[in-house]
C-alpha cells in the first residue's frame, strides 16, 4: 500500500493532515517534509488524522515526536486522532498516546486544552 499525506483546510485555524497507508522508513520523509513546510509557514498547531493509516513503525513514531518538538518550541502542539487497530496499539504501548494526548473519542483535539 502506498502512503499519502493530504492537507485539509480547517475552520478555526491550525493545520490538519490526513495520513493514509503505511508510515515507515521509506515514507517517513514525506510526512517530515509536510510538517517542516507547515512550521516554516508559521503553523504551531498540527493535527494528524490517522484514521486511514494502516501501519506505523518506529520511524513514523519518531516523526510524530520530532513534529511535536518543532511546534512546541514555538508554543504550539501536535496532536493525533483517529488511530485504530495496530497503529493505536503501537501508540499506547510506546506511551505516545499519552504524550500526544490521543483520545479516540475526540474528533477534534483543538477543542481540548492544548497545553
N, C-alpha and C. Protein backbone atom coordinates (compact mmCIF):
# COMPACT_ATOMS: atom_id res chain seq x y z
N UNK A 1 0.85 -1.19 0.00
CA UNK A 1 0.00 0.00 0.00
C UNK A 1 0.89 1.24 0.00
N UNK A 2 0.46 2.25 -0.70
CA UNK A 2 1.21 3.48 -0.77
C UNK A 2 0.89 4.35 0.45
N UNK A 3 1.64 5.40 0.58
CA UNK A 3 1.46 6.34 1.69
C UNK A 3 1.10 7.69 1.10
N UNK A 4 0.21 8.40 1.77
CA UNK A 4 -0.12 9.76 1.33
C UNK A 4 -0.34 10.65 2.54
N UNK A 5 -0.04 11.92 2.33
CA UNK A 5 -0.29 12.97 3.31
C UNK A 5 -1.12 14.03 2.59
N UNK A 6 -2.31 14.27 3.09
CA UNK A 6 -3.18 15.26 2.46
C UNK A 6 -3.50 16.37 3.45
N UNK A 7 -3.31 17.60 2.99
CA UNK A 7 -3.64 18.77 3.79
C UNK A 7 -5.13 19.06 3.63
N UNK A 8 -5.81 19.27 4.75
CA UNK A 8 -7.24 19.57 4.73
C UNK A 8 -7.44 20.91 5.42
N UNK A 9 -8.18 21.80 4.78
CA UNK A 9 -8.49 23.10 5.39
C UNK A 9 -9.32 22.90 6.65
N UNK A 10 -9.05 23.70 7.67
CA UNK A 10 -9.79 23.62 8.94
C UNK A 10 -10.37 24.97 9.28
N UNK A 11 -11.57 24.95 9.78
CA UNK A 11 -12.14 26.15 10.37
C UNK A 11 -11.47 26.33 11.73
N UNK A 12 -11.19 27.54 12.11
CA UNK A 12 -10.62 27.79 13.42
C UNK A 12 -9.11 27.74 13.46
N UNK A 13 -8.46 27.59 12.32
CA UNK A 13 -7.01 27.63 12.29
C UNK A 13 -6.35 26.31 12.61
N UNK A 14 -5.05 26.31 12.52
CA UNK A 14 -4.29 25.09 12.74
C UNK A 14 -4.21 24.28 11.46
N UNK A 15 -3.25 23.41 11.42
CA UNK A 15 -3.04 22.58 10.24
C UNK A 15 -3.61 21.19 10.49
N UNK A 16 -4.21 20.61 9.47
CA UNK A 16 -4.83 19.30 9.57
C UNK A 16 -4.26 18.44 8.45
N UNK A 17 -3.57 17.36 8.81
CA UNK A 17 -3.02 16.45 7.82
C UNK A 17 -3.68 15.09 7.97
N UNK A 18 -4.17 14.56 6.87
CA UNK A 18 -4.79 13.23 6.86
C UNK A 18 -3.77 12.25 6.26
N UNK A 19 -3.39 11.25 7.08
CA UNK A 19 -2.40 10.26 6.63
C UNK A 19 -3.11 9.00 6.20
N UNK A 20 -2.59 8.33 5.17
CA UNK A 20 -3.17 7.08 4.70
C UNK A 20 -2.05 6.14 4.27
N UNK A 21 -2.24 4.85 4.52
CA UNK A 21 -1.27 3.85 4.08
C UNK A 21 -0.33 3.44 5.18
N UNK A 22 0.92 3.20 4.80
CA UNK A 22 1.93 2.71 5.73
C UNK A 22 3.02 3.76 5.95
N UNK A 23 3.20 4.12 7.21
CA UNK A 23 4.23 5.09 7.59
C UNK A 23 5.41 4.31 8.14
N UNK A 24 6.52 4.32 7.37
CA UNK A 24 7.70 3.55 7.76
C UNK A 24 8.95 4.28 7.29
N UNK A 25 10.07 3.60 7.32
CA UNK A 25 11.37 4.19 6.96
C UNK A 25 11.34 4.82 5.57
N UNK A 26 10.66 4.19 4.64
CA UNK A 26 10.67 4.71 3.27
C UNK A 26 9.69 5.86 3.05
N UNK A 27 8.66 5.98 3.89
CA UNK A 27 7.65 7.02 3.68
C UNK A 27 7.72 8.16 4.71
N UNK A 28 8.43 7.96 5.79
CA UNK A 28 8.52 8.97 6.85
C UNK A 28 9.04 10.32 6.34
N UNK A 29 10.00 10.34 5.39
CA UNK A 29 10.46 11.65 4.90
C UNK A 29 9.35 12.51 4.29
N UNK A 30 8.33 11.88 3.73
CA UNK A 30 7.22 12.63 3.16
C UNK A 30 6.44 13.37 4.25
N UNK A 31 6.19 12.70 5.38
CA UNK A 31 5.50 13.35 6.49
C UNK A 31 6.39 14.41 7.12
N UNK A 32 7.67 14.10 7.28
CA UNK A 32 8.62 15.08 7.83
C UNK A 32 8.60 16.35 6.99
N UNK A 33 8.65 16.20 5.67
CA UNK A 33 8.65 17.36 4.77
C UNK A 33 7.36 18.15 4.90
N UNK A 34 6.23 17.48 5.04
CA UNK A 34 4.94 18.17 5.18
C UNK A 34 4.90 18.98 6.48
N UNK A 35 5.37 18.38 7.57
CA UNK A 35 5.40 19.09 8.86
C UNK A 35 6.38 20.25 8.78
N UNK A 36 7.53 20.05 8.16
CA UNK A 36 8.51 21.13 8.00
C UNK A 36 7.93 22.31 7.23
N UNK A 37 7.18 22.01 6.15
CA UNK A 37 6.56 23.09 5.37
C UNK A 37 5.56 23.87 6.22
N UNK A 38 4.78 23.16 7.02
CA UNK A 38 3.80 23.83 7.87
C UNK A 38 4.47 24.72 8.91
N UNK A 39 5.49 24.20 9.56
CA UNK A 39 6.16 25.01 10.59
C UNK A 39 6.90 26.18 9.97
N UNK A 40 7.45 26.00 8.78
CA UNK A 40 8.11 27.11 8.09
C UNK A 40 7.11 28.21 7.73
N UNK A 41 5.87 27.80 7.51
CA UNK A 41 4.81 28.76 7.19
C UNK A 41 4.20 29.38 8.45
N UNK A 42 4.71 28.99 9.63
CA UNK A 42 4.25 29.60 10.87
C UNK A 42 3.18 28.83 11.62
N UNK A 43 2.81 27.64 11.14
CA UNK A 43 1.80 26.84 11.86
C UNK A 43 2.38 26.34 13.17
N UNK A 44 1.61 26.47 14.24
CA UNK A 44 2.05 25.98 15.55
C UNK A 44 1.09 24.95 16.13
N UNK A 45 -0.02 24.71 15.45
CA UNK A 45 -0.98 23.69 15.88
C UNK A 45 -1.20 22.72 14.72
N UNK A 46 -0.76 21.48 14.92
CA UNK A 46 -0.83 20.48 13.85
C UNK A 46 -1.63 19.28 14.33
N UNK A 47 -2.66 18.94 13.59
CA UNK A 47 -3.48 17.78 13.88
C UNK A 47 -3.23 16.73 12.81
N UNK A 48 -2.87 15.51 13.23
CA UNK A 48 -2.67 14.41 12.31
C UNK A 48 -3.82 13.43 12.45
N UNK A 49 -4.55 13.22 11.38
CA UNK A 49 -5.66 12.27 11.36
C UNK A 49 -5.11 10.93 10.86
N UNK A 50 -5.11 9.93 11.74
CA UNK A 50 -4.53 8.62 11.44
C UNK A 50 -5.59 7.59 11.07
N UNK A 51 -6.80 8.00 10.80
CA UNK A 51 -7.89 7.07 10.52
C UNK A 51 -7.53 6.06 9.43
N UNK A 52 -6.88 6.50 8.37
CA UNK A 52 -6.56 5.64 7.24
C UNK A 52 -5.12 5.15 7.24
N UNK A 53 -4.42 5.34 8.37
CA UNK A 53 -3.05 4.84 8.50
C UNK A 53 -3.13 3.37 8.94
N UNK A 54 -2.57 2.48 8.15
CA UNK A 54 -2.69 1.04 8.43
C UNK A 54 -1.47 0.47 9.13
N UNK A 55 -0.34 1.19 9.12
CA UNK A 55 0.89 0.69 9.73
C UNK A 55 1.75 1.88 10.11
N UNK A 56 2.43 1.76 11.23
CA UNK A 56 3.38 2.80 11.66
C UNK A 56 4.50 2.13 12.43
N UNK A 57 5.73 2.30 11.95
CA UNK A 57 6.87 1.73 12.66
C UNK A 57 7.55 2.81 13.51
N UNK A 58 8.68 2.46 14.09
CA UNK A 58 9.38 3.39 14.99
C UNK A 58 9.83 4.66 14.28
N UNK A 59 10.10 4.58 12.99
CA UNK A 59 10.48 5.77 12.24
C UNK A 59 9.31 6.74 12.17
N UNK A 60 8.13 6.22 11.96
CA UNK A 60 6.94 7.07 11.95
C UNK A 60 6.68 7.70 13.30
N UNK A 61 6.85 6.92 14.35
CA UNK A 61 6.68 7.46 15.70
C UNK A 61 7.67 8.59 15.96
N UNK A 62 8.89 8.41 15.47
CA UNK A 62 9.91 9.45 15.63
C UNK A 62 9.51 10.74 14.92
N UNK A 63 8.85 10.62 13.77
CA UNK A 63 8.38 11.81 13.06
C UNK A 63 7.32 12.53 13.88
N UNK A 64 6.42 11.78 14.52
CA UNK A 64 5.42 12.41 15.39
C UNK A 64 6.09 13.20 16.52
N UNK A 65 7.07 12.59 17.17
CA UNK A 65 7.77 13.23 18.28
C UNK A 65 8.54 14.46 17.80
N UNK A 66 9.25 14.31 16.69
CA UNK A 66 10.01 15.43 16.12
C UNK A 66 9.07 16.59 15.79
N UNK A 67 7.94 16.28 15.16
CA UNK A 67 6.97 17.33 14.82
C UNK A 67 6.42 18.02 16.05
N UNK A 68 6.12 17.25 17.09
CA UNK A 68 5.64 17.84 18.33
C UNK A 68 6.70 18.74 18.94
N UNK A 69 7.94 18.31 18.92
CA UNK A 69 9.03 19.13 19.46
C UNK A 69 9.19 20.43 18.67
N UNK A 70 9.04 20.34 17.34
CA UNK A 70 9.16 21.53 16.50
C UNK A 70 8.12 22.57 16.86
N UNK A 71 6.87 22.17 16.90
CA UNK A 71 5.82 23.15 17.17
C UNK A 71 5.81 23.58 18.63
N UNK A 72 6.21 22.71 19.53
CA UNK A 72 6.27 23.07 20.95
C UNK A 72 7.31 24.15 21.20
N UNK A 73 8.37 24.15 20.41
CA UNK A 73 9.41 25.17 20.55
C UNK A 73 8.85 26.57 20.28
N UNK A 74 7.76 26.63 19.52
CA UNK A 74 7.11 27.91 19.23
C UNK A 74 5.80 28.07 19.99
N UNK A 75 5.64 27.28 21.06
CA UNK A 75 4.46 27.39 21.90
C UNK A 75 3.25 26.64 21.39
N UNK A 76 3.44 25.76 20.43
CA UNK A 76 2.31 25.04 19.85
C UNK A 76 2.25 23.59 20.27
N UNK A 77 1.54 22.78 19.47
CA UNK A 77 1.39 21.37 19.76
C UNK A 77 1.11 20.57 18.49
N UNK A 78 1.38 19.30 18.55
CA UNK A 78 0.99 18.34 17.54
C UNK A 78 0.11 17.32 18.23
N UNK A 79 -1.05 17.04 17.67
CA UNK A 79 -1.98 16.08 18.23
C UNK A 79 -2.35 15.05 17.18
N UNK A 80 -2.77 13.89 17.64
CA UNK A 80 -3.19 12.82 16.74
C UNK A 80 -4.62 12.41 17.06
N UNK A 81 -5.30 11.96 16.04
CA UNK A 81 -6.67 11.49 16.20
C UNK A 81 -6.91 10.37 15.21
N UNK A 82 -7.92 9.56 15.48
CA UNK A 82 -8.36 8.56 14.52
C UNK A 82 -7.59 7.27 14.44
N UNK A 83 -6.58 7.07 15.25
CA UNK A 83 -5.80 5.83 15.16
C UNK A 83 -6.67 4.64 15.52
N UNK A 84 -6.42 3.53 14.87
CA UNK A 84 -7.16 2.32 15.17
C UNK A 84 -6.29 1.10 14.93
N UNK A 85 -6.74 -0.04 15.38
CA UNK A 85 -6.03 -1.30 15.15
C UNK A 85 -4.59 -1.28 15.65
N UNK A 86 -3.70 -1.75 14.79
CA UNK A 86 -2.29 -1.86 15.15
C UNK A 86 -1.65 -0.52 15.43
N UNK A 87 -2.08 0.49 14.70
CA UNK A 87 -1.49 1.82 14.90
C UNK A 87 -1.84 2.34 16.29
N UNK A 88 -3.08 2.21 16.70
CA UNK A 88 -3.47 2.64 18.05
C UNK A 88 -2.71 1.84 19.11
N UNK A 89 -2.58 0.55 18.88
CA UNK A 89 -1.86 -0.30 19.84
C UNK A 89 -0.41 0.16 20.01
N UNK A 90 0.27 0.45 18.93
CA UNK A 90 1.66 0.92 19.00
C UNK A 90 1.74 2.24 19.76
N UNK A 91 0.80 3.13 19.52
CA UNK A 91 0.79 4.42 20.23
C UNK A 91 0.61 4.22 21.74
N UNK A 92 -0.25 3.30 22.11
CA UNK A 92 -0.50 3.06 23.54
C UNK A 92 0.67 2.33 24.19
N UNK A 93 1.21 1.30 23.54
CA UNK A 93 2.31 0.51 24.12
C UNK A 93 3.55 1.38 24.32
N UNK A 94 3.81 2.28 23.39
CA UNK A 94 5.00 3.13 23.48
C UNK A 94 4.81 4.32 24.42
N UNK A 95 3.57 4.62 24.78
CA UNK A 95 3.29 5.77 25.63
C UNK A 95 3.05 7.05 24.85
N UNK A 96 3.17 7.00 23.53
CA UNK A 96 2.95 8.22 22.74
C UNK A 96 1.51 8.67 22.74
N UNK A 97 0.59 7.76 22.98
CA UNK A 97 -0.82 8.16 23.08
C UNK A 97 -0.98 9.19 24.20
N UNK A 98 -0.26 9.00 25.30
CA UNK A 98 -0.32 9.96 26.41
C UNK A 98 0.45 11.23 26.09
N UNK A 99 1.64 11.09 25.53
CA UNK A 99 2.48 12.25 25.22
C UNK A 99 1.78 13.18 24.24
N UNK A 100 1.15 12.60 23.21
CA UNK A 100 0.49 13.40 22.19
C UNK A 100 -1.00 13.60 22.46
N UNK A 101 -1.41 13.22 23.68
CA UNK A 101 -2.78 13.43 24.17
C UNK A 101 -3.84 12.86 23.24
N UNK A 102 -3.62 11.64 22.83
CA UNK A 102 -4.58 10.96 21.96
C UNK A 102 -5.80 10.52 22.74
N UNK A 103 -6.97 10.91 22.25
CA UNK A 103 -8.23 10.47 22.82
C UNK A 103 -9.10 9.98 21.68
N UNK A 104 -9.34 8.67 21.61
CA UNK A 104 -10.08 8.13 20.47
C UNK A 104 -11.49 8.69 20.32
N UNK A 105 -12.11 9.11 21.41
CA UNK A 105 -13.46 9.64 21.34
C UNK A 105 -13.50 11.05 20.77
N UNK A 106 -12.38 11.74 20.79
CA UNK A 106 -12.35 13.13 20.36
C UNK A 106 -12.11 13.22 18.86
N UNK A 107 -13.01 13.88 18.18
CA UNK A 107 -12.86 14.09 16.75
C UNK A 107 -11.89 15.23 16.49
N UNK A 108 -11.86 16.21 17.36
CA UNK A 108 -11.03 17.39 17.13
C UNK A 108 -10.31 17.79 18.41
N UNK A 109 -9.01 17.44 18.52
CA UNK A 109 -8.25 17.80 19.72
C UNK A 109 -8.14 19.29 19.96
N UNK A 110 -8.41 20.10 18.96
CA UNK A 110 -8.34 21.55 19.15
C UNK A 110 -9.36 22.00 20.18
N UNK A 111 -10.43 21.26 20.30
CA UNK A 111 -11.47 21.66 21.26
C UNK A 111 -11.05 21.43 22.70
N UNK A 112 -10.00 20.65 22.91
CA UNK A 112 -9.49 20.42 24.27
C UNK A 112 -8.40 21.43 24.59
N UNK A 113 -8.08 21.55 25.84
CA UNK A 113 -6.96 22.40 26.24
C UNK A 113 -5.69 21.81 25.67
N UNK A 114 -4.92 22.61 24.97
CA UNK A 114 -3.75 22.11 24.25
C UNK A 114 -2.46 22.21 25.05
N UNK A 115 -2.48 22.84 26.16
CA UNK A 115 -1.22 23.00 26.90
C UNK A 115 -0.86 21.76 27.69
